[in-house]
Amino acid sequence: MIQSSRLPAVLVLAGVLAGGGVFMYARQSDAAAAGASHLEELRNAIARPDATATKWMAYAKTLQDLKRFADAAWAYEQVLKMEPLSTEARLQGAVCYALTGNADEFFSFLRATKEAKPTLARDIFLRPEAHPYLDEPRFQALQKEAIAASMD
């Protein structure tokens, strides 16, 4: 039986994997640059006095995609100043506040959400981002209030 060396195949495979890694790194760098450029465009759009809730929402979503959760939560609050009943801004704002790890801000936002949209507040408590907070009595009480208010 003749044994062939696997070395050429291993070298080819290593070359392909290395090339793929370089390609993926280049794509990530390009995506980061495009994201920064898009963010700058949106920042300029919301700086205008006639900035719309739609522009603020796009800005907030971009910040959220970049994992800048505190900034995104603040931007969602700006949307809510213009459109207080925006379900999407309330939901995504709550997600961002939860992901910041700031329990006080998350609680305050959820309390306001319970007043404006109790059913949404009830549903937010079911999301995985809210689960870490449910050990705290104040969140447990607010969840019960949201459930009760959503049944009215």
N, C-alpha and C. Protein backbone atom coordinates (compact mmCIF):
# COMPACT_ATOMS: atom_id res chain seq x y z
N MET A 1 0.84 -1.17 0.00
CA MET A 1 0.00 0.00 0.00
C MET A 1 0.89 1.24 0.00
N ILE A 2 0.57 2.15 -0.84
CA ILE A 2 1.35 3.38 -0.95
C ILE A 2 0.66 4.44 -0.12
N GLN A 3 1.42 5.06 0.76
CA GLN A 3 0.87 6.15 1.57
C GLN A 3 1.30 7.48 0.97
N SER A 4 0.33 8.34 0.76
CA SER A 4 0.67 9.67 0.26
C SER A 4 0.74 10.63 1.43
N SER A 5 1.53 11.63 1.28
CA SER A 5 1.67 12.63 2.32
C SER A 5 0.45 13.54 2.34
N ARG A 6 0.00 13.82 3.50
CA ARG A 6 -1.14 14.74 3.65
C ARG A 6 -0.69 16.19 3.76
N LEU A 7 0.59 16.38 3.80
CA LEU A 7 1.13 17.72 3.98
C LEU A 7 0.65 18.70 2.91
N PRO A 8 0.66 18.35 1.60
CA PRO A 8 0.17 19.33 0.62
C PRO A 8 -1.29 19.70 0.86
N ALA A 9 -2.13 18.73 1.21
CA ALA A 9 -3.54 19.03 1.45
C ALA A 9 -3.71 19.92 2.68
N VAL A 10 -2.93 19.65 3.72
CA VAL A 10 -3.00 20.46 4.93
C VAL A 10 -2.55 21.89 4.64
N LEU A 11 -1.51 22.04 3.84
CA LEU A 11 -1.02 23.38 3.50
C LEU A 11 -2.05 24.15 2.67
N VAL A 12 -2.70 23.46 1.73
CA VAL A 12 -3.73 24.12 0.93
C VAL A 12 -4.89 24.55 1.82
N LEU A 13 -5.32 23.64 2.70
CA LEU A 13 -6.41 23.97 3.61
C LEU A 13 -6.05 25.14 4.51
N ALA A 14 -4.84 25.15 5.05
CA ALA A 14 -4.40 26.26 5.91
C ALA A 14 -4.40 27.57 5.13
N GLY A 15 -3.97 27.53 3.87
CA GLY A 15 -3.95 28.74 3.04
C GLY A 15 -5.35 29.27 2.79
N VAL A 16 -6.28 28.35 2.51
CA VAL A 16 -7.66 28.76 2.27
C VAL A 16 -8.26 29.37 3.53
N LEU A 17 -8.04 28.74 4.67
CA LEU A 17 -8.57 29.28 5.93
C LEU A 17 -7.97 30.64 6.25
N ALA A 18 -6.67 30.79 6.03
CA ALA A 18 -6.02 32.08 6.31
C ALA A 18 -6.58 33.16 5.38
N GLY A 19 -6.76 32.81 4.12
CA GLY A 19 -7.32 33.78 3.17
C GLY A 19 -8.73 34.18 3.56
N GLY A 20 -9.51 33.21 4.00
CA GLY A 20 -10.87 33.51 4.46
C GLY A 20 -10.87 34.41 5.66
N GLY A 21 -9.94 34.20 6.58
CA GLY A 21 -9.83 35.04 7.77
C GLY A 21 -9.50 36.48 7.39
N VAL A 22 -8.58 36.65 6.46
CA VAL A 22 -8.21 37.99 6.00
C VAL A 22 -9.42 38.66 5.34
N PHE A 23 -10.15 37.89 4.52
CA PHE A 23 -11.34 38.42 3.85
C PHE A 23 -12.38 38.86 4.87
N MET A 24 -12.64 38.02 5.88
CA MET A 24 -13.63 38.37 6.90
C MET A 24 -13.20 39.60 7.69
N TYR A 25 -11.93 39.69 8.03
CA TYR A 25 -11.43 40.86 8.75
C TYR A 25 -11.61 42.13 7.92
N ALA A 26 -11.32 42.03 6.64
CA ALA A 26 -11.48 43.19 5.75
C ALA A 26 -12.94 43.60 5.66
N ARG A 27 -13.85 42.62 5.59
CA ARG A 27 -15.28 42.94 5.54
C ARG A 27 -15.75 43.60 6.82
N GLN A 28 -15.25 43.12 7.97
CA GLN A 28 -15.63 43.73 9.24
C GLN A 28 -15.14 45.16 9.31
N SER A 29 -13.91 45.40 8.85
CA SER A 29 -13.37 46.76 8.86
C SER A 29 -14.19 47.67 7.95
N ASP A 30 -14.57 47.16 6.78
CA ASP A 30 -15.40 47.94 5.86
C ASP A 30 -16.76 48.22 6.48
N ALA A 31 -17.34 47.23 7.14
CA ALA A 31 -18.65 47.41 7.77
C ALA A 31 -18.56 48.43 8.90
N ALA A 32 -17.50 48.39 9.67
CA ALA A 32 -17.32 49.36 10.77
C ALA A 32 -17.19 50.77 10.21
N ALA A 33 -16.43 50.92 9.12
CA ALA A 33 -16.27 52.24 8.51
C ALA A 33 -17.60 52.73 7.94
N ALA A 34 -18.35 51.83 7.30
CA ALA A 34 -19.66 52.22 6.76
C ALA A 34 -20.61 52.59 7.89
N GLY A 35 -20.58 51.83 8.99
CA GLY A 35 -21.43 52.13 10.14
C GLY A 35 -21.10 53.48 10.74
N ALA A 36 -19.81 53.79 10.84
CA ALA A 36 -19.40 55.09 11.38
C ALA A 36 -19.85 56.22 10.46
N SER A 37 -19.74 56.01 9.16
CA SER A 37 -20.17 57.03 8.20
C SER A 37 -21.68 57.24 8.28
N HIS A 38 -22.42 56.14 8.36
CA HIS A 38 -23.89 56.21 8.47
C HIS A 38 -24.29 56.91 9.77
N LEU A 39 -23.59 56.58 10.84
CA LEU A 39 -23.88 57.21 12.13
C LEU A 39 -23.65 58.71 12.07
N GLU A 40 -22.58 59.12 11.41
CA GLU A 40 -22.28 60.54 11.27
C GLU A 40 -23.37 61.25 10.46
N GLU A 41 -23.85 60.61 9.40
CA GLU A 41 -24.94 61.19 8.61
C GLU A 41 -26.19 61.37 9.46
N LEU A 42 -26.50 60.34 10.24
CA LEU A 42 -27.69 60.42 11.11
C LEU A 42 -27.51 61.47 12.20
N ARG A 43 -26.32 61.56 12.74
CA ARG A 43 -26.03 62.57 13.77
C ARG A 43 -26.27 63.97 13.20
N ASN A 44 -25.86 64.19 11.97
CA ASN A 44 -26.09 65.48 11.33
C ASN A 44 -27.58 65.72 11.09
N ALA A 45 -28.31 64.65 10.74
CA ALA A 45 -29.74 64.79 10.48
C ALA A 45 -30.51 65.13 11.76
N ILE A 46 -30.14 64.51 12.88
CA ILE A 46 -30.89 64.79 14.11
C ILE A 46 -30.48 66.10 14.76
N ALA A 47 -29.36 66.66 14.31
CA ALA A 47 -28.92 67.95 14.86
C ALA A 47 -29.74 69.10 14.27
N ARG A 48 -30.45 68.83 13.19
CA ARG A 48 -31.26 69.88 12.56
C ARG A 48 -32.50 70.15 13.40
N PRO A 49 -32.97 71.38 13.43
CA PRO A 49 -34.17 71.69 14.22
C PRO A 49 -35.43 70.99 13.73
N ASP A 50 -35.44 70.57 12.46
CA ASP A 50 -36.62 69.89 11.92
C ASP A 50 -36.46 68.37 11.92
N ALA A 51 -35.58 67.86 12.76
CA ALA A 51 -35.35 66.41 12.82
C ALA A 51 -36.64 65.69 13.19
N THR A 52 -36.92 64.64 12.46
CA THR A 52 -38.16 63.89 12.67
C THR A 52 -37.93 62.71 13.60
N ALA A 53 -39.02 62.17 14.09
CA ALA A 53 -38.96 60.96 14.92
C ALA A 53 -38.36 59.80 14.12
N THR A 54 -38.62 59.78 12.84
CA THR A 54 -38.08 58.72 11.98
C THR A 54 -36.55 58.77 11.95
N LYS A 55 -36.00 59.97 11.85
CA LYS A 55 -34.53 60.11 11.86
C LYS A 55 -33.97 59.71 13.22
N TRP A 56 -34.62 60.13 14.29
CA TRP A 56 -34.18 59.75 15.63
C TRP A 56 -34.25 58.23 15.81
N MET A 57 -35.29 57.61 15.26
CA MET A 57 -35.42 56.16 15.37
C MET A 57 -34.28 55.48 14.62
N ALA A 58 -33.95 55.95 13.44
CA ALA A 58 -32.84 55.38 12.67
C ALA A 58 -31.52 55.54 13.43
N TYR A 59 -31.35 56.70 14.04
CA TYR A 59 -30.15 56.96 14.85
C TYR A 59 -30.08 55.99 16.03
N ALA A 60 -31.20 55.83 16.73
CA ALA A 60 -31.24 54.93 17.88
C ALA A 60 -30.94 53.49 17.47
N LYS A 61 -31.53 53.04 16.37
CA LYS A 61 -31.30 51.67 15.90
C LYS A 61 -29.84 51.46 15.51
N THR A 62 -29.24 52.45 14.89
CA THR A 62 -27.84 52.34 14.51
C THR A 62 -26.96 52.24 15.75
N LEU A 63 -27.23 53.07 16.75
CA LEU A 63 -26.47 52.98 18.00
C LEU A 63 -26.66 51.62 18.66
N GLN A 64 -27.88 51.13 18.63
CA GLN A 64 -28.16 49.81 19.21
C GLN A 64 -27.39 48.72 18.46
N ASP A 65 -27.37 48.79 17.15
CA ASP A 65 -26.61 47.82 16.34
C ASP A 65 -25.12 47.85 16.67
N LEU A 66 -24.64 49.04 17.02
CA LEU A 66 -23.23 49.20 17.39
C LEU A 66 -22.96 48.85 18.85
N LYS A 67 -24.03 48.38 19.53
CA LYS A 67 -23.96 47.97 20.95
C LYS A 67 -23.62 49.14 21.88
N ARG A 68 -24.02 50.32 21.48
CA ARG A 68 -23.90 51.51 22.32
C ARG A 68 -25.26 51.72 22.99
N PHE A 69 -25.55 50.83 23.94
CA PHE A 69 -26.90 50.73 24.48
C PHE A 69 -27.35 51.96 25.27
N ALA A 70 -26.47 52.57 26.04
CA ALA A 70 -26.86 53.76 26.80
C ALA A 70 -27.22 54.90 25.85
N ASP A 71 -26.41 55.09 24.82
CA ASP A 71 -26.69 56.14 23.84
C ASP A 71 -27.98 55.83 23.07
N ALA A 72 -28.17 54.57 22.73
CA ALA A 72 -29.38 54.18 22.00
C ALA A 72 -30.62 54.41 22.85
N ALA A 73 -30.55 54.05 24.14
CA ALA A 73 -31.69 54.25 25.04
C ALA A 73 -32.07 55.73 25.10
N TRP A 74 -31.07 56.59 25.20
CA TRP A 74 -31.31 58.03 25.22
C TRP A 74 -31.97 58.48 23.90
N ALA A 75 -31.50 57.94 22.78
CA ALA A 75 -32.07 58.32 21.49
C ALA A 75 -33.53 57.83 21.38
N TYR A 76 -33.81 56.65 21.90
CA TYR A 76 -35.21 56.18 21.90
C TYR A 76 -36.08 57.10 22.77
N GLU A 77 -35.51 57.63 23.83
CA GLU A 77 -36.26 58.60 24.66
C GLU A 77 -36.61 59.84 23.84
N GLN A 78 -35.72 60.25 22.96
CA GLN A 78 -35.98 61.41 22.10
C GLN A 78 -37.14 61.11 21.15
N VAL A 79 -37.18 59.89 20.64
CA VAL A 79 -38.31 59.49 19.79
C VAL A 79 -39.60 59.59 20.58
N LEU A 80 -39.58 59.11 21.82
CA LEU A 80 -40.79 59.11 22.65
C LEU A 80 -41.25 60.52 23.01
N LYS A 81 -40.35 61.48 23.01
CA LYS A 81 -40.77 62.87 23.24
C LYS A 81 -41.61 63.36 22.07
N MET A 82 -41.31 62.84 20.87
CA MET A 82 -42.06 63.25 19.68
C MET A 82 -43.27 62.36 19.43
N GLU A 83 -43.13 61.09 19.77
CA GLU A 83 -44.21 60.12 19.56
C GLU A 83 -44.36 59.28 20.83
N PRO A 84 -45.04 59.81 21.84
CA PRO A 84 -45.12 59.14 23.14
C PRO A 84 -45.71 57.73 23.13
N LEU A 85 -46.47 57.41 22.11
CA LEU A 85 -47.10 56.08 22.06
C LEU A 85 -46.38 55.10 21.13
N SER A 86 -45.19 55.44 20.71
CA SER A 86 -44.44 54.56 19.82
C SER A 86 -44.06 53.26 20.54
N THR A 87 -44.69 52.19 20.14
CA THR A 87 -44.42 50.88 20.75
C THR A 87 -42.99 50.45 20.47
N GLU A 88 -42.52 50.64 19.26
CA GLU A 88 -41.16 50.22 18.90
C GLU A 88 -40.11 50.97 19.71
N ALA A 89 -40.28 52.28 19.87
CA ALA A 89 -39.32 53.06 20.65
C ALA A 89 -39.34 52.62 22.11
N ARG A 90 -40.53 52.34 22.65
CA ARG A 90 -40.63 51.87 24.04
C ARG A 90 -39.98 50.51 24.21
N LEU A 91 -40.28 49.60 23.30
CA LEU A 91 -39.71 48.25 23.40
C LEU A 91 -38.19 48.27 23.28
N GLN A 92 -37.69 48.91 22.25
CA GLN A 92 -36.24 48.93 22.03
C GLN A 92 -35.53 49.76 23.10
N GLY A 93 -36.17 50.82 23.56
CA GLY A 93 -35.60 51.59 24.67
C GLY A 93 -35.45 50.73 25.90
N ALA A 94 -36.48 49.94 26.21
CA ALA A 94 -36.41 49.04 27.37
C ALA A 94 -35.30 48.01 27.20
N VAL A 95 -35.20 47.44 26.02
CA VAL A 95 -34.13 46.46 25.76
C VAL A 95 -32.76 47.11 25.98
N CYS A 96 -32.59 48.31 25.47
CA CYS A 96 -31.30 48.99 25.62
C CYS A 96 -31.01 49.32 27.08
N TYR A 97 -32.01 49.83 27.79
CA TYR A 97 -31.79 50.11 29.22
C TYR A 97 -31.44 48.83 29.97
N ALA A 98 -32.11 47.74 29.65
CA ALA A 98 -31.80 46.46 30.32
C ALA A 98 -30.35 46.05 30.04
N LEU A 99 -29.92 46.23 28.80
CA LEU A 99 -28.58 45.80 28.42
C LEU A 99 -27.47 46.70 28.96
N THR A 100 -27.82 47.91 29.41
CA THR A 100 -26.79 48.77 30.00
C THR A 100 -26.38 48.25 31.37
N GLY A 101 -27.28 47.50 32.01
CA GLY A 101 -26.99 47.02 33.36
C GLY A 101 -27.33 48.02 34.44
N ASN A 102 -27.89 49.15 34.06
CA ASN A 102 -28.27 50.17 35.04
C ASN A 102 -29.71 49.91 35.49
N ALA A 103 -29.85 49.22 36.62
CA ALA A 103 -31.16 48.81 37.11
C ALA A 103 -32.07 50.00 37.39
N ASP A 104 -31.52 51.09 37.91
CA ASP A 104 -32.36 52.24 38.24
C ASP A 104 -32.99 52.86 37.00
N GLU A 105 -32.19 53.05 35.95
CA GLU A 105 -32.73 53.63 34.72
C GLU A 105 -33.72 52.67 34.04
N PHE A 106 -33.40 51.39 34.07
CA PHE A 106 -34.30 50.40 33.49
C PHE A 106 -35.63 50.40 34.24
N PHE A 107 -35.57 50.44 35.56
CA PHE A 107 -36.79 50.46 36.37
C PHE A 107 -37.63 51.70 36.08
N SER A 108 -36.98 52.84 36.03
CA SER A 108 -37.68 54.09 35.75
C SER A 108 -38.36 54.05 34.38
N PHE A 109 -37.66 53.53 33.40
CA PHE A 109 -38.21 53.43 32.05
C PHE A 109 -39.39 52.47 32.03
N LEU A 110 -39.26 51.34 32.72
CA LEU A 110 -40.36 50.37 32.77
C LEU A 110 -41.58 50.93 33.49
N ARG A 111 -41.34 51.70 34.54
CA ARG A 111 -42.46 52.31 35.27
C ARG A 111 -43.23 53.26 34.34
N ALA A 112 -42.50 54.06 33.58
CA ALA A 112 -43.15 54.97 32.63
C ALA A 112 -43.87 54.18 31.53
N THR A 113 -43.27 53.07 31.12
CA THR A 113 -43.91 52.23 30.10
C THR A 113 -45.18 51.61 30.64
N LYS A 114 -45.16 51.20 31.91
CA LYS A 114 -46.37 50.62 32.53
C LYS A 114 -47.51 51.64 32.52
N GLU A 115 -47.18 52.90 32.77
CA GLU A 115 -48.22 53.94 32.77
C GLU A 115 -48.75 54.19 31.37
N ALA A 116 -47.87 54.20 30.38
CA ALA A 116 -48.28 54.51 29.01
C ALA A 116 -48.88 53.30 28.28
N LYS A 117 -48.25 52.14 28.47
CA LYS A 117 -48.65 50.93 27.74
C LYS A 117 -48.46 49.72 28.64
N PRO A 118 -49.40 49.47 29.53
CA PRO A 118 -49.22 48.37 30.50
C PRO A 118 -49.01 46.99 29.86
N THR A 119 -49.68 46.73 28.76
CA THR A 119 -49.50 45.43 28.11
C THR A 119 -48.08 45.27 27.59
N LEU A 120 -47.53 46.34 27.06
CA LEU A 120 -46.14 46.29 26.59
C LEU A 120 -45.20 46.07 27.76
N ALA A 121 -45.43 46.77 28.86
CA ALA A 121 -44.58 46.58 30.05
C ALA A 121 -44.64 45.13 30.51
N ARG A 122 -45.84 44.56 30.52
CA ARG A 122 -45.99 43.15 30.90
C ARG A 122 -45.17 42.25 29.97
N ASP A 123 -45.23 42.55 28.67
CA ASP A 123 -44.50 41.73 27.69
C ASP A 123 -42.99 41.90 27.79
N ILE A 124 -42.55 43.10 28.15
CA ILE A 124 -41.10 43.33 28.30
C ILE A 124 -40.53 42.45 29.40
N PHE A 125 -41.30 42.25 30.45
CA PHE A 125 -40.83 41.40 31.54
C PHE A 125 -40.61 39.95 31.09
N LEU A 126 -41.22 39.56 29.99
CA LEU A 126 -41.06 38.20 29.46
C LEU A 126 -39.81 38.05 28.60
N ARG A 127 -39.21 39.16 28.24
CA ARG A 127 -38.02 39.13 27.37
C ARG A 127 -36.78 38.71 28.17
N PRO A 128 -35.86 38.03 27.52
CA PRO A 128 -34.66 37.57 28.22
C PRO A 128 -33.81 38.70 28.81
N GLU A 129 -33.86 39.88 28.19
CA GLU A 129 -33.07 41.01 28.71
C GLU A 129 -33.54 41.44 30.09
N ALA A 130 -34.81 41.20 30.39
CA ALA A 130 -35.38 41.61 31.68
C ALA A 130 -35.18 40.57 32.77
N HIS A 131 -34.94 39.34 32.40
CA HIS A 131 -34.85 38.26 33.39
C HIS A 131 -33.85 38.50 34.52
N PRO A 132 -32.66 39.05 34.26
CA PRO A 132 -31.72 39.26 35.36
C PRO A 132 -32.24 40.19 36.45
N TYR A 133 -33.21 41.02 36.12
CA TYR A 133 -33.71 42.00 37.08
C TYR A 133 -34.84 41.45 37.95
N LEU A 134 -35.39 40.32 37.58
CA LEU A 134 -36.57 39.81 38.27
C LEU A 134 -36.30 39.26 39.67
N ASP A 135 -35.05 39.22 40.06
CA ASP A 135 -34.72 38.82 41.44
C ASP A 135 -34.97 39.96 42.42
N GLU A 136 -35.04 41.18 41.90
CA GLU A 136 -35.22 42.35 42.76
C GLU A 136 -36.71 42.55 43.08
N PRO A 137 -37.04 42.77 44.35
CA PRO A 137 -38.45 42.95 44.72
C PRO A 137 -39.15 44.09 43.99
N ARG A 138 -38.44 45.18 43.72
CA ARG A 138 -39.11 46.31 43.04
C ARG A 138 -39.53 45.93 41.61
N PHE A 139 -38.73 45.11 40.95
CA PHE A 139 -39.09 44.66 39.61
C PHE A 139 -40.23 43.64 39.67
N GLN A 140 -40.21 42.80 40.68
CA GLN A 140 -41.30 41.84 40.87
C GLN A 140 -42.62 42.57 41.09
N ALA A 141 -42.59 43.60 41.92
CA ALA A 141 -43.80 44.38 42.20
C ALA A 141 -44.28 45.10 40.94
N LEU A 142 -43.35 45.68 40.20
CA LEU A 142 -43.72 46.39 38.97
C LEU A 142 -44.29 45.42 37.94
N GLN A 143 -43.74 44.22 37.88
CA GLN A 143 -44.27 43.22 36.97
C GLN A 143 -45.71 42.89 37.33
N LYS A 144 -45.99 42.70 38.61
CA LYS A 144 -47.35 42.42 39.05
C LYS A 144 -48.29 43.57 38.71
N GLU A 145 -47.82 44.80 38.90
CA GLU A 145 -48.63 45.97 38.56
C GLU A 145 -48.93 46.01 37.06
N ALA A 146 -47.91 45.69 36.26
CA ALA A 146 -48.08 45.70 34.79
C ALA A 146 -49.09 44.63 34.37
N ILE A 147 -49.02 43.47 34.99
CA ILE A 147 -49.97 42.40 34.67
C ILE A 147 -51.38 42.84 35.04
N ALA A 148 -51.54 43.39 36.24
CA ALA A 148 -52.87 43.83 36.68
C ALA A 148 -53.40 44.95 35.79
N ALA A 149 -52.55 45.92 35.47
CA ALA A 149 -52.99 47.05 34.64
C ALA A 149 -53.33 46.61 33.21
N SER A 150 -52.64 45.58 32.73
CA SER A 150 -52.91 45.13 31.35
C SER A 150 -54.23 44.39 31.24
N MET A 151 -54.78 43.97 32.37
CA MET A 151 -56.06 43.26 32.36
C MET A 151 -57.24 44.21 32.45
N ASP A 152 -56.99 45.46 32.77
CA ASP A 152 -58.07 46.45 32.91
C ASP A 152 -58.67 46.81 31.56
